[in-house]
Amino acid sequence: MGTVIPRMRSDGSTGYQAQLLIKRAGKIVHREGRTFDRKQAASAWLEKREKELAKPGAIERVAATDPVLAAVIDRYTDESIKKIGRTKATRRPALSCDP
């Protein structure tokens, strides 16, 4: 369920904060918010986002953790068609999270 809240900004203008909260079995499973200049834009974003998250498996995809940068780089080097150049090969250990 979404809510639009008017908020006073430091420069005196009004911003509209759209807050989205989804509960399952009495527990919060997803919470997100975004600020807009116009109330209509905030309401439109809420409707669009609620429809996106209503699809099966959408909340699980949003809640999934991002992979570690080193794992992403390893996958890139493994799946790369070209051979990895000297610069990429020497910089790879510096980005590693491994001790």
PDB file of N, CA and C in Angstrom:
ATOM      1  N   MET A   1       0.847  -1.175   0.000  1.00  0.00           N
ATOM      2  CA  MET A   1       0.000   0.000   0.000  1.00  0.00           C
ATOM      3  C   MET A   1       0.884   1.226   0.000  1.00  0.00           C
ATOM      4  N   GLY A   2       0.569   2.204  -0.786  1.00  0.00           N
ATOM      5  CA  GLY A   2       1.386   3.389  -0.912  1.00  0.00           C
ATOM      6  C   GLY A   2       0.724   4.620  -0.318  1.00  0.00           C
ATOM      7  N   THR A   3       1.571   5.565   0.079  1.00  0.00           N
ATOM      8  CA  THR A   3       1.121   6.818   0.663  1.00  0.00           C
ATOM      9  C   THR A   3       1.948   7.953   0.082  1.00  0.00           C
ATOM     10  N   VAL A   4       1.305   9.092  -0.174  1.00  0.00           N
ATOM     11  CA  VAL A   4       2.003  10.292  -0.627  1.00  0.00           C
ATOM     12  C   VAL A   4       1.940  11.315   0.503  1.00  0.00           C
ATOM     13  N   ILE A   5       3.118  11.784   0.929  1.00  0.00           N
ATOM     14  CA  ILE A   5       3.217  12.712   2.052  1.00  0.00           C
ATOM     15  C   ILE A   5       3.874  14.002   1.565  1.00  0.00           C
ATOM     16  N   PRO A   6       3.198  15.164   1.754  1.00  0.00           N
ATOM     17  CA  PRO A   6       3.847  16.433   1.410  1.00  0.00           C
ATOM     18  C   PRO A   6       4.913  16.779   2.442  1.00  0.00           C
ATOM     19  N   ARG A   7       6.083  17.235   1.979  1.00  0.00           N
ATOM     20  CA  ARG A   7       7.191  17.570   2.877  1.00  0.00           C
ATOM     21  C   ARG A   7       7.765  18.916   2.487  1.00  0.00           C
ATOM     22  N   MET A   8       8.066  19.723   3.482  1.00  0.00           N
ATOM     23  CA  MET A   8       8.662  21.029   3.241  1.00  0.00           C
ATOM     24  C   MET A   8      10.175  20.847   3.087  1.00  0.00           C
ATOM     25  N   ARG A   9      10.709  21.372   2.010  1.00  0.00           N
ATOM     26  CA  ARG A   9      12.146  21.290   1.767  1.00  0.00           C
ATOM     27  C   ARG A   9      12.850  22.460   2.443  1.00  0.00           C
ATOM     28  N   SER A  10      14.172  22.404   2.511  1.00  0.00           N
ATOM     29  CA  SER A  10      14.946  23.452   3.177  1.00  0.00           C
ATOM     30  C   SER A  10      14.847  24.791   2.453  1.00  0.00           C
ATOM     31  N   ASP A  11      14.593  24.772   1.138  1.00  0.00           N
ATOM     32  CA  ASP A  11      14.457  26.033   0.394  1.00  0.00           C
ATOM     33  C   ASP A  11      13.032  26.590   0.435  1.00  0.00           C
ATOM     34  N   GLY A  12      12.134  25.933   1.148  1.00  0.00           N
ATOM     35  CA  GLY A  12      10.769  26.410   1.299  1.00  0.00           C
ATOM     36  C   GLY A  12       9.773  25.799   0.332  1.00  0.00           C
ATOM     37  N   SER A  13      10.228  25.100  -0.679  1.00  0.00           N
ATOM     38  CA  SER A  13       9.317  24.470  -1.638  1.00  0.00           C
ATOM     39  C   SER A  13       8.760  23.172  -1.042  1.00  0.00           C
ATOM     40  N   THR A  14       7.712  22.671  -1.665  1.00  0.00           N
ATOM     41  CA  THR A  14       7.082  21.441  -1.196  1.00  0.00           C
ATOM     42  C   THR A  14       7.474  20.290  -2.108  1.00  0.00           C
ATOM     43  N   GLY A  15       7.900  19.201  -1.501  1.00  0.00           N
ATOM     44  CA  GLY A  15       8.181  17.973  -2.216  1.00  0.00           C
ATOM     45  C   GLY A  15       7.186  16.929  -1.759  1.00  0.00           C
ATOM     46  N   TYR A  16       6.952  15.926  -2.572  1.00  0.00           N
ATOM     47  CA  TYR A  16       5.984  14.888  -2.238  1.00  0.00           C
ATOM     48  C   TYR A  16       6.707  13.554  -2.161  1.00  0.00           C
ATOM     49  N   GLN A  17       6.690  12.975  -0.984  1.00  0.00           N
ATOM     50  CA  GLN A  17       7.382  11.714  -0.767  1.00  0.00           C
ATOM     51  C   GLN A  17       6.388  10.572  -0.928  1.00  0.00           C
ATOM     52  N   ALA A  18       6.691   9.672  -1.863  1.00  0.00           N
ATOM     53  CA  ALA A  18       5.880   8.486  -2.086  1.00  0.00           C
ATOM     54  C   ALA A  18       6.502   7.348  -1.290  1.00  0.00           C
ATOM     55  N   GLN A  19       5.733   6.769  -0.386  1.00  0.00           N
ATOM     56  CA  GLN A  19       6.222   5.668   0.430  1.00  0.00           C
ATOM     57  C   GLN A  19       5.415   4.423   0.105  1.00  0.00           C
ATOM     58  N   LEU A  20       6.112   3.327  -0.150  1.00  0.00           N
ATOM     59  CA  LEU A  20       5.483   2.060  -0.487  1.00  0.00           C
ATOM     60  C   LEU A  20       5.865   1.038   0.569  1.00  0.00           C
ATOM     61  N   LEU A  21       4.862   0.366   1.137  1.00  0.00           N
ATOM     62  CA  LEU A  21       5.083  -0.614   2.190  1.00  0.00           C
ATOM     63  C   LEU A  21       4.260  -1.850   1.866  1.00  0.00           C
ATOM     64  N   ILE A  22       4.911  -2.998   1.807  1.00  0.00           N
ATOM     65  CA  ILE A  22       4.210  -4.246   1.509  1.00  0.00           C
ATOM     66  C   ILE A  22       4.416  -5.199   2.685  1.00  0.00           C
ATOM     67  N   LYS A  23       3.309  -5.708   3.207  1.00  0.00           N
ATOM     68  CA  LYS A  23       3.345  -6.649   4.321  1.00  0.00           C
ATOM     69  C   LYS A  23       2.798  -7.992   3.863  1.00  0.00           C
ATOM     70  N   ARG A  24       3.365  -9.044   4.404  1.00  0.00           N
ATOM     71  CA  ARG A  24       2.869 -10.398   4.190  1.00  0.00           C
ATOM     72  C   ARG A  24       2.839 -11.073   5.556  1.00  0.00           C
ATOM     73  N   ALA A  25       1.713 -11.606   5.935  1.00  0.00           N
ATOM     74  CA  ALA A  25       1.523 -12.280   7.220  1.00  0.00           C
ATOM     75  C   ALA A  25       1.905 -11.365   8.388  1.00  0.00           C
ATOM     76  N   GLY A  26       1.581 -10.091   8.264  1.00  0.00           N
ATOM     77  CA  GLY A  26       1.829  -9.146   9.344  1.00  0.00           C
ATOM     78  C   GLY A  26       3.254  -8.641   9.444  1.00  0.00           C
ATOM     79  N   LYS A  27       4.126  -9.056   8.550  1.00  0.00           N
ATOM     80  CA  LYS A  27       5.522  -8.617   8.574  1.00  0.00           C
ATOM     81  C   LYS A  27       5.833  -7.812   7.320  1.00  0.00           C
ATOM     82  N   ILE A  28       6.689  -6.807   7.481  1.00  0.00           N
ATOM     83  CA  ILE A  28       7.095  -5.992   6.348  1.00  0.00           C
ATOM     84  C   ILE A  28       8.087  -6.782   5.505  1.00  0.00           C
ATOM     85  N   VAL A  29       7.750  -6.964   4.221  1.00  0.00           N
ATOM     86  CA  VAL A  29       8.641  -7.692   3.320  1.00  0.00           C
ATOM     87  C   VAL A  29       9.345  -6.756   2.341  1.00  0.00           C
ATOM     88  N   HIS A  30       8.780  -5.550   2.156  1.00  0.00           N
ATOM     89  CA  HIS A  30       9.418  -4.601   1.245  1.00  0.00           C
ATOM     90  C   HIS A  30       8.985  -3.192   1.609  1.00  0.00           C
ATOM     91  N   ARG A  31       9.958  -2.281   1.643  1.00  0.00           N
ATOM     92  CA  ARG A  31       9.680  -0.875   1.913  1.00  0.00           C
ATOM     93  C   ARG A  31      10.557  -0.045   0.993  1.00  0.00           C
ATOM     94  N   GLU A  32       9.954   0.967   0.386  1.00  0.00           N
ATOM     95  CA  GLU A  32      10.723   1.818  -0.509  1.00  0.00           C
ATOM     96  C   GLU A  32      10.047   3.179  -0.589  1.00  0.00           C
ATOM     97  N   GLY A  33      10.841   4.192  -0.856  1.00  0.00           N
ATOM     98  CA  GLY A  33      10.309   5.541  -0.950  1.00  0.00           C
ATOM     99  C   GLY A  33      11.075   6.358  -1.963  1.00  0.00           C
ATOM    100  N   ARG A  34      10.413   7.394  -2.460  1.00  0.00           N
ATOM    101  CA  ARG A  34      11.025   8.268  -3.448  1.00  0.00           C
ATOM    102  C   ARG A  34      10.337   9.625  -3.364  1.00  0.00           C
ATOM    103  N   THR A  35      11.089  10.705  -3.593  1.00  0.00           N
ATOM    104  CA  THR A  35      10.550  12.055  -3.495  1.00  0.00           C
ATOM    105  C   THR A  35      10.382  12.664  -4.882  1.00  0.00           C
ATOM    106  N   PHE A  36       9.261  13.367  -5.070  1.00  0.00           N
ATOM    107  CA  PHE A  36       8.924  13.989  -6.346  1.00  0.00           C
ATOM    108  C   PHE A  36       8.573  15.457  -6.134  1.00  0.00           C
ATOM    109  N   ASP A  37       8.632  16.229  -7.208  1.00  0.00           N
ATOM    110  CA  ASP A  37       8.260  17.639  -7.148  1.00  0.00           C
ATOM    111  C   ASP A  37       6.745  17.829  -7.215  1.00  0.00           C
ATOM    112  N   ARG A  38       6.054  16.899  -7.864  1.00  0.00           N
ATOM    113  CA  ARG A  38       4.607  17.023  -8.036  1.00  0.00           C
ATOM    114  C   ARG A  38       3.889  15.829  -7.420  1.00  0.00           C
ATOM    115  N   LYS A  39       2.725  16.089  -6.861  1.00  0.00           N
ATOM    116  CA  LYS A  39       1.931  15.036  -6.231  1.00  0.00           C
ATOM    117  C   LYS A  39       1.463  14.008  -7.259  1.00  0.00           C
ATOM    118  N   GLN A  40       1.120  14.473  -8.461  1.00  0.00           N
ATOM    119  CA  GLN A  40       0.657  13.565  -9.506  1.00  0.00           C
ATOM    120  C   GLN A  40       1.752  12.584  -9.908  1.00  0.00           C
ATOM    121  N   ALA A  41       2.980  13.056  -9.971  1.00  0.00           N
ATOM    122  CA  ALA A  41       4.101  12.182 -10.326  1.00  0.00           C
ATOM    123  C   ALA A  41       4.313  11.127  -9.246  1.00  0.00           C
ATOM    124  N   ALA A  42       4.185  11.528  -7.988  1.00  0.00           N
ATOM    125  CA  ALA A  42       4.346  10.582  -6.881  1.00  0.00           C
ATOM    126  C   ALA A  42       3.257   9.515  -6.926  1.00  0.00           C
ATOM    127  N   SER A  43       2.023   9.922  -7.181  1.00  0.00           N
ATOM    128  CA  SER A  43       0.910   8.968  -7.259  1.00  0.00           C
ATOM    129  C   SER A  43       1.079   8.010  -8.435  1.00  0.00           C
ATOM    130  N   ALA A  44       1.521   8.531  -9.565  1.00  0.00           N
ATOM    131  CA  ALA A  44       1.733   7.685 -10.746  1.00  0.00           C
ATOM    132  C   ALA A  44       2.838   6.669 -10.495  1.00  0.00           C
ATOM    133  N   TRP A  45       3.919   7.104  -9.838  1.00  0.00           N
ATOM    134  CA  TRP A  45       5.014   6.185  -9.532  1.00  0.00           C
ATOM    135  C   TRP A  45       4.540   5.084  -8.594  1.00  0.00           C
ATOM    136  N   LEU A  46       3.740   5.454  -7.592  1.00  0.00           N
ATOM    137  CA  LEU A  46       3.221   4.452  -6.657  1.00  0.00           C
ATOM    138  C   LEU A  46       2.392   3.398  -7.379  1.00  0.00           C
ATOM    139  N   GLU A  47       1.481   3.829  -8.231  1.00  0.00           N
ATOM    140  CA  GLU A  47       0.648   2.885  -8.972  1.00  0.00           C
ATOM    141  C   GLU A  47       1.496   1.953  -9.833  1.00  0.00           C
ATOM    142  N   LYS A  48       2.463   2.528 -10.546  1.00  0.00           N
ATOM    143  CA  LYS A  48       3.328   1.733 -11.421  1.00  0.00           C
ATOM    144  C   LYS A  48       4.146   0.732 -10.610  1.00  0.00           C
ATOM    145  N   ARG A  49       4.721   1.191  -9.510  1.00  0.00           N
ATOM    146  CA  ARG A  49       5.583   0.324  -8.699  1.00  0.00           C
ATOM    147  C   ARG A  49       4.778  -0.784  -8.023  1.00  0.00           C
ATOM    148  N   GLU A  50       3.563  -0.472  -7.570  1.00  0.00           N
ATOM    149  CA  GLU A  50       2.719  -1.497  -6.956  1.00  0.00           C
ATOM    150  C   GLU A  50       2.370  -2.585  -7.968  1.00  0.00           C
ATOM    151  N   LYS A  51       2.100  -2.194  -9.220  1.00  0.00           N
ATOM    152  CA  LYS A  51       1.815  -3.178 -10.268  1.00  0.00           C
ATOM    153  C   LYS A  51       3.035  -4.048 -10.552  1.00  0.00           C
ATOM    154  N   GLU A  52       4.221  -3.423 -10.584  1.00  0.00           N
ATOM    155  CA  GLU A  52       5.452  -4.182 -10.834  1.00  0.00           C
ATOM    156  C   GLU A  52       5.700  -5.206  -9.739  1.00  0.00           C
ATOM    157  N   LEU A  53       5.487  -4.801  -8.488  1.00  0.00           N
ATOM    158  CA  LEU A  53       5.767  -5.692  -7.366  1.00  0.00           C
ATOM    159  C   LEU A  53       4.663  -6.715  -7.134  1.00  0.00           C
ATOM    160  N   ALA A  54       3.505  -6.537  -7.763  1.00  0.00           N
ATOM    161  CA  ALA A  54       2.410  -7.498  -7.623  1.00  0.00           C
ATOM    162  C   ALA A  54       2.643  -8.747  -8.466  1.00  0.00           C
ATOM    163  N   LYS A  55       3.542  -8.675  -9.420  1.00  0.00           N
ATOM    164  CA  LYS A  55       3.832  -9.826 -10.265  1.00  0.00           C
ATOM    165  C   LYS A  55       4.516 -10.915  -9.436  1.00  0.00           C
ATOM    166  N   PRO A  56       4.272 -12.192  -9.785  1.00  0.00           N
ATOM    167  CA  PRO A  56       4.874 -13.281  -9.015  1.00  0.00           C
ATOM    168  C   PRO A  56       6.404 -13.240  -9.039  1.00  0.00           C
ATOM    169  N   GLY A  57       7.014 -13.334  -7.880  1.00  0.00           N
ATOM    170  CA  GLY A  57       8.462 -13.374  -7.755  1.00  0.00           C
ATOM    171  C   GLY A  57       9.158 -12.033  -7.789  1.00  0.00           C
ATOM    172  N   ALA A  58       8.412 -10.942  -7.944  1.00  0.00           N
ATOM    173  CA  ALA A  58       9.030  -9.620  -8.064  1.00  0.00           C
ATOM    174  C   ALA A  58       9.692  -9.185  -6.767  1.00  0.00           C
ATOM    175  N   ILE A  59       9.054  -9.421  -5.652  1.00  0.00           N
ATOM    176  CA  ILE A  59       9.622  -9.004  -4.359  1.00  0.00           C
ATOM    177  C   ILE A  59      10.877  -9.809  -4.048  1.00  0.00           C
ATOM    178  N   GLU A  60      10.881 -11.072  -4.400  1.00  0.00           N
ATOM    179  CA  GLU A  60      12.069 -11.899  -4.162  1.00  0.00           C
ATOM    180  C   GLU A  60      13.249 -11.412  -4.999  1.00  0.00           C
ATOM    181  N   ARG A  61      12.977 -10.980  -6.240  1.00  0.00           N
ATOM    182  CA  ARG A  61      14.057 -10.471  -7.084  1.00  0.00           C
ATOM    183  C   ARG A  61      14.617  -9.164  -6.530  1.00  0.00           C
ATOM    184  N   VAL A  62      13.744  -8.308  -6.010  1.00  0.00           N
ATOM    185  CA  VAL A  62      14.187  -7.039  -5.440  1.00  0.00           C
ATOM    186  C   VAL A  62      15.004  -7.283  -4.173  1.00  0.00           C
ATOM    187  N   ALA A  63      14.603  -8.275  -3.387  1.00  0.00           N
ATOM    188  CA  ALA A  63      15.266  -8.547  -2.111  1.00  0.00           C
ATOM    189  C   ALA A  63      16.575  -9.318  -2.271  1.00  0.00           C
ATOM    190  N   ALA A  64      16.842  -9.851  -3.457  1.00  0.00           N
ATOM    191  CA  ALA A  64      18.062 -10.619  -3.675  1.00  0.00           C
ATOM    192  C   ALA A  64      19.288  -9.732  -3.476  1.00  0.00           C
ATOM    193  N   THR A  65      20.315 -10.289  -2.859  1.00  0.00           N
ATOM    194  CA  THR A  65      21.528  -9.526  -2.591  1.00  0.00           C
ATOM    195  C   THR A  65      22.385  -9.427  -3.851  1.00  0.00           C
ATOM    196  N   ASP A  66      23.105  -8.342  -3.974  1.00  0.00           N
ATOM    197  CA  ASP A  66      24.007  -8.156  -5.092  1.00  0.00           C
ATOM    198  C   ASP A  66      25.246  -9.023  -4.901  1.00  0.00           C
ATOM    199  N   PRO A  67      25.801  -9.564  -5.978  1.00  0.00           N
ATOM    200  CA  PRO A  67      27.004 -10.373  -5.848  1.00  0.00           C
ATOM    201  C   PRO A  67      28.225  -9.501  -5.521  1.00  0.00           C
ATOM    202  N   VAL A  68      29.238 -10.112  -4.984  1.00  0.00           N
ATOM    203  CA  VAL A  68      30.481  -9.430  -4.660  1.00  0.00           C
ATOM    204  C   VAL A  68      31.171  -9.019  -5.961  1.00  0.00           C
ATOM    205  N   LEU A  69      31.824  -7.862  -5.960  1.00  0.00           N
ATOM    206  CA  LEU A  69      32.473  -7.352  -7.168  1.00  0.00           C
ATOM    207  C   LEU A  69      33.487  -8.350  -7.716  1.00  0.00           C
ATOM    208  N   ALA A  70      34.225  -8.999  -6.846  1.00  0.00           N
ATOM    209  CA  ALA A  70      35.227  -9.968  -7.300  1.00  0.00           C
ATOM    210  C   ALA A  70      34.559 -11.116  -8.056  1.00  0.00           C
ATOM    211  N   ALA A  71      33.387 -11.552  -7.606  1.00  0.00           N
ATOM    212  CA  ALA A  71      32.670 -12.638  -8.287  1.00  0.00           C
ATOM    213  C   ALA A  71      32.181 -12.181  -9.662  1.00  0.00           C
ATOM    214  N   VAL A  72      31.751 -10.942  -9.757  1.00  0.00           N
ATOM    215  CA  VAL A  72      31.296 -10.410 -11.040  1.00  0.00           C
ATOM    216  C   VAL A  72      32.459 -10.325 -12.018  1.00  0.00           C
ATOM    217  N   ILE A  73      33.616  -9.880 -11.542  1.00  0.00           N
ATOM    218  CA  ILE A  73      34.791  -9.773 -12.401  1.00  0.00           C
ATOM    219  C   ILE A  73      35.249 -11.154 -12.840  1.00  0.00           C
ATOM    220  N   ASP A  74      35.237 -12.119 -11.936  1.00  0.00           N
ATOM    221  CA  ASP A  74      35.609 -13.485 -12.298  1.00  0.00           C
ATOM    222  C   ASP A  74      34.681 -14.037 -13.376  1.00  0.00           C
ATOM    223  N   ARG A  75      33.390 -13.782 -13.234  1.00  0.00           N
ATOM    224  CA  ARG A  75      32.442 -14.251 -14.240  1.00  0.00           C
ATOM    225  C   ARG A  75      32.710 -13.583 -15.584  1.00  0.00           C
ATOM    226  N   TYR A  76      33.004 -12.292 -15.553  1.00  0.00           N
ATOM    227  CA  TYR A  76      33.314 -11.565 -16.786  1.00  0.00           C
ATOM    228  C   TYR A  76      34.533 -12.175 -17.478  1.00  0.00           C
ATOM    229  N   THR A  77      35.591 -12.456 -16.720  1.00  0.00           N
ATOM    230  CA  THR A  77      36.800 -13.002 -17.326  1.00  0.00           C
ATOM    231  C   THR A  77      36.569 -14.421 -17.843  1.00  0.00           C
ATOM    232  N   ASP A  78      35.731 -15.191 -17.131  1.00  0.00           N
ATOM    233  CA  ASP A  78      35.448 -16.557 -17.574  1.00  0.00           C
ATOM    234  C   ASP A  78      34.613 -16.587 -18.852  1.00  0.00           C
ATOM    235  N   GLU A  79      33.668 -15.647 -18.974  1.00  0.00           N
ATOM    236  CA  GLU A  79      32.763 -15.650 -20.113  1.00  0.00           C
ATOM    237  C   GLU A  79      33.231 -14.772 -21.274  1.00  0.00           C
ATOM    238  N   SER A  80      34.339 -14.071 -21.089  1.00  0.00           N
ATOM    239  CA  SER A  80      34.832 -13.172 -22.121  1.00  0.00           C
ATOM    240  C   SER A  80      35.313 -13.963 -23.327  1.00  0.00           C
ATOM    241  N   ILE A  81      34.994 -13.461 -24.503  1.00  0.00           N
ATOM    242  CA  ILE A  81      35.410 -14.119 -25.742  1.00  0.00           C
ATOM    243  C   ILE A  81      36.890 -13.841 -26.000  1.00  0.00           C
ATOM    244  N   LYS A  82      37.301 -12.593 -25.772  1.00  0.00           N
ATOM    245  CA  LYS A  82      38.696 -12.218 -25.973  1.00  0.00           C
ATOM    246  C   LYS A  82      39.537 -12.608 -24.762  1.00  0.00           C
ATOM    247  N   LYS A  83      40.824 -12.723 -24.987  1.00  0.00           N
ATOM    248  CA  LYS A  83      41.756 -12.963 -23.891  1.00  0.00           C
ATOM    249  C   LYS A  83      41.888 -11.667 -23.090  1.00  0.00           C
ATOM    250  N   ILE A  84      41.984 -11.801 -21.769  1.00  0.00           N
ATOM    251  CA  ILE A  84      42.088 -10.631 -20.898  1.00  0.00           C
ATOM    252  C   ILE A  84      43.463 -10.001 -21.085  1.00  0.00           C
ATOM    253  N   GLY A  85      43.462  -8.680 -21.250  1.00  0.00           N
ATOM    254  CA  GLY A  85      44.708  -7.966 -21.482  1.00  0.00           C
ATOM    255  C   GLY A  85      45.546  -7.797 -20.222  1.00  0.00           C
ATOM    256  N   ARG A  86      46.736  -7.235 -20.395  1.00  0.00           N
ATOM    257  CA  ARG A  86      47.695  -7.080 -19.304  1.00  0.00           C
ATOM    258  C   ARG A  86      47.157  -6.169 -18.205  1.00  0.00           C
ATOM    259  N   THR A  87      46.533  -5.060 -18.567  1.00  0.00           N
ATOM    260  CA  THR A  87      46.045  -4.121 -17.568  1.00  0.00           C
ATOM    261  C   THR A  87      44.959  -4.747 -16.709  1.00  0.00           C
ATOM    262  N   LYS A  88      43.994  -5.390 -17.332  1.00  0.00           N
ATOM    263  CA  LYS A  88      42.924  -6.034 -16.566  1.00  0.00           C
ATOM    264  C   LYS A  88      43.475  -7.152 -15.687  1.00  0.00           C
ATOM    265  N   ALA A  89      44.422  -7.875 -16.194  1.00  0.00           N
ATOM    266  CA  ALA A  89      44.998  -8.983 -15.424  1.00  0.00           C
ATOM    267  C   ALA A  89      45.762  -8.486 -14.199  1.00  0.00           C
ATOM    268  N   THR A  90      46.450  -7.340 -14.315  1.00  0.00           N
ATOM    269  CA  THR A  90      47.210  -6.833 -13.169  1.00  0.00           C
ATOM    270  C   THR A  90      46.323  -6.098 -12.172  1.00  0.00           C
ATOM    271  N   ARG A  91      45.225  -5.542 -12.612  1.00  0.00           N
ATOM    272  CA  ARG A  91      44.328  -4.805 -11.714  1.00  0.00           C
ATOM    273  C   ARG A  91      43.371  -5.722 -10.961  1.00  0.00           C
ATOM    274  N   ARG A  92      43.136  -6.903 -11.457  1.00  0.00           N
ATOM    275  CA  ARG A  92      42.184  -7.837 -10.839  1.00  0.00           C
ATOM    276  C   ARG A  92      42.520  -8.145  -9.384  1.00  0.00           C
ATOM    277  N   PRO A  93      43.756  -8.483  -9.031  1.00  0.00           N
ATOM    278  CA  PRO A  93      44.040  -8.782  -7.623  1.00  0.00           C
ATOM    279  C   PRO A  93      43.792  -7.593  -6.682  1.00  0.00           C
ATOM    280  N   ALA A  94      43.918  -6.373  -7.172  1.00  0.00           N
ATOM    281  CA  ALA A  94      43.694  -5.198  -6.334  1.00  0.00           C
ATOM    282  C   ALA A  94      42.222  -5.050  -5.952  1.00  0.00           C
ATOM    283  N   LEU A  95      41.330  -5.548  -6.791  1.00  0.00           N
ATOM    284  CA  LEU A  95      39.900  -5.451  -6.522  1.00  0.00           C
ATOM    285  C   LEU A  95      39.371  -6.614  -5.701  1.00  0.00           C
ATOM    286  N   SER A  96      40.166  -7.616  -5.519  1.00  0.00           N
ATOM    287  CA  SER A  96      39.723  -8.812  -4.826  1.00  0.00           C
ATOM    288  C   SER A  96      39.470  -8.523  -3.354  1.00  0.00           C
ATOM    289  N   CYS A  97      38.441  -9.164  -2.831  1.00  0.00           N
ATOM    290  CA  CYS A  97      38.131  -9.058  -1.398  1.00  0.00           C
ATOM    291  C   CYS A  97      38.841 -10.160  -0.624  1.00  0.00           C
ATOM    292  N   ASP A  98      39.527 -11.035  -1.354  1.00  0.00           N
ATOM    293  CA  ASP A  98      40.229 -12.138  -0.700  1.00  0.00           C
ATOM    294  C   ASP A  98      41.470 -11.619   0.003  1.00  0.00           C
ATOM    295  N   PRO A  99      41.802 -12.176   1.176  1.00  0.00           N
ATOM    296  CA  PRO A  99      43.017 -11.728   1.890  1.00  0.00           C
ATOM    297  C   PRO A  99      44.289 -12.175   1.243  1.00  0.00           C
TER     298      PRO A  99
END
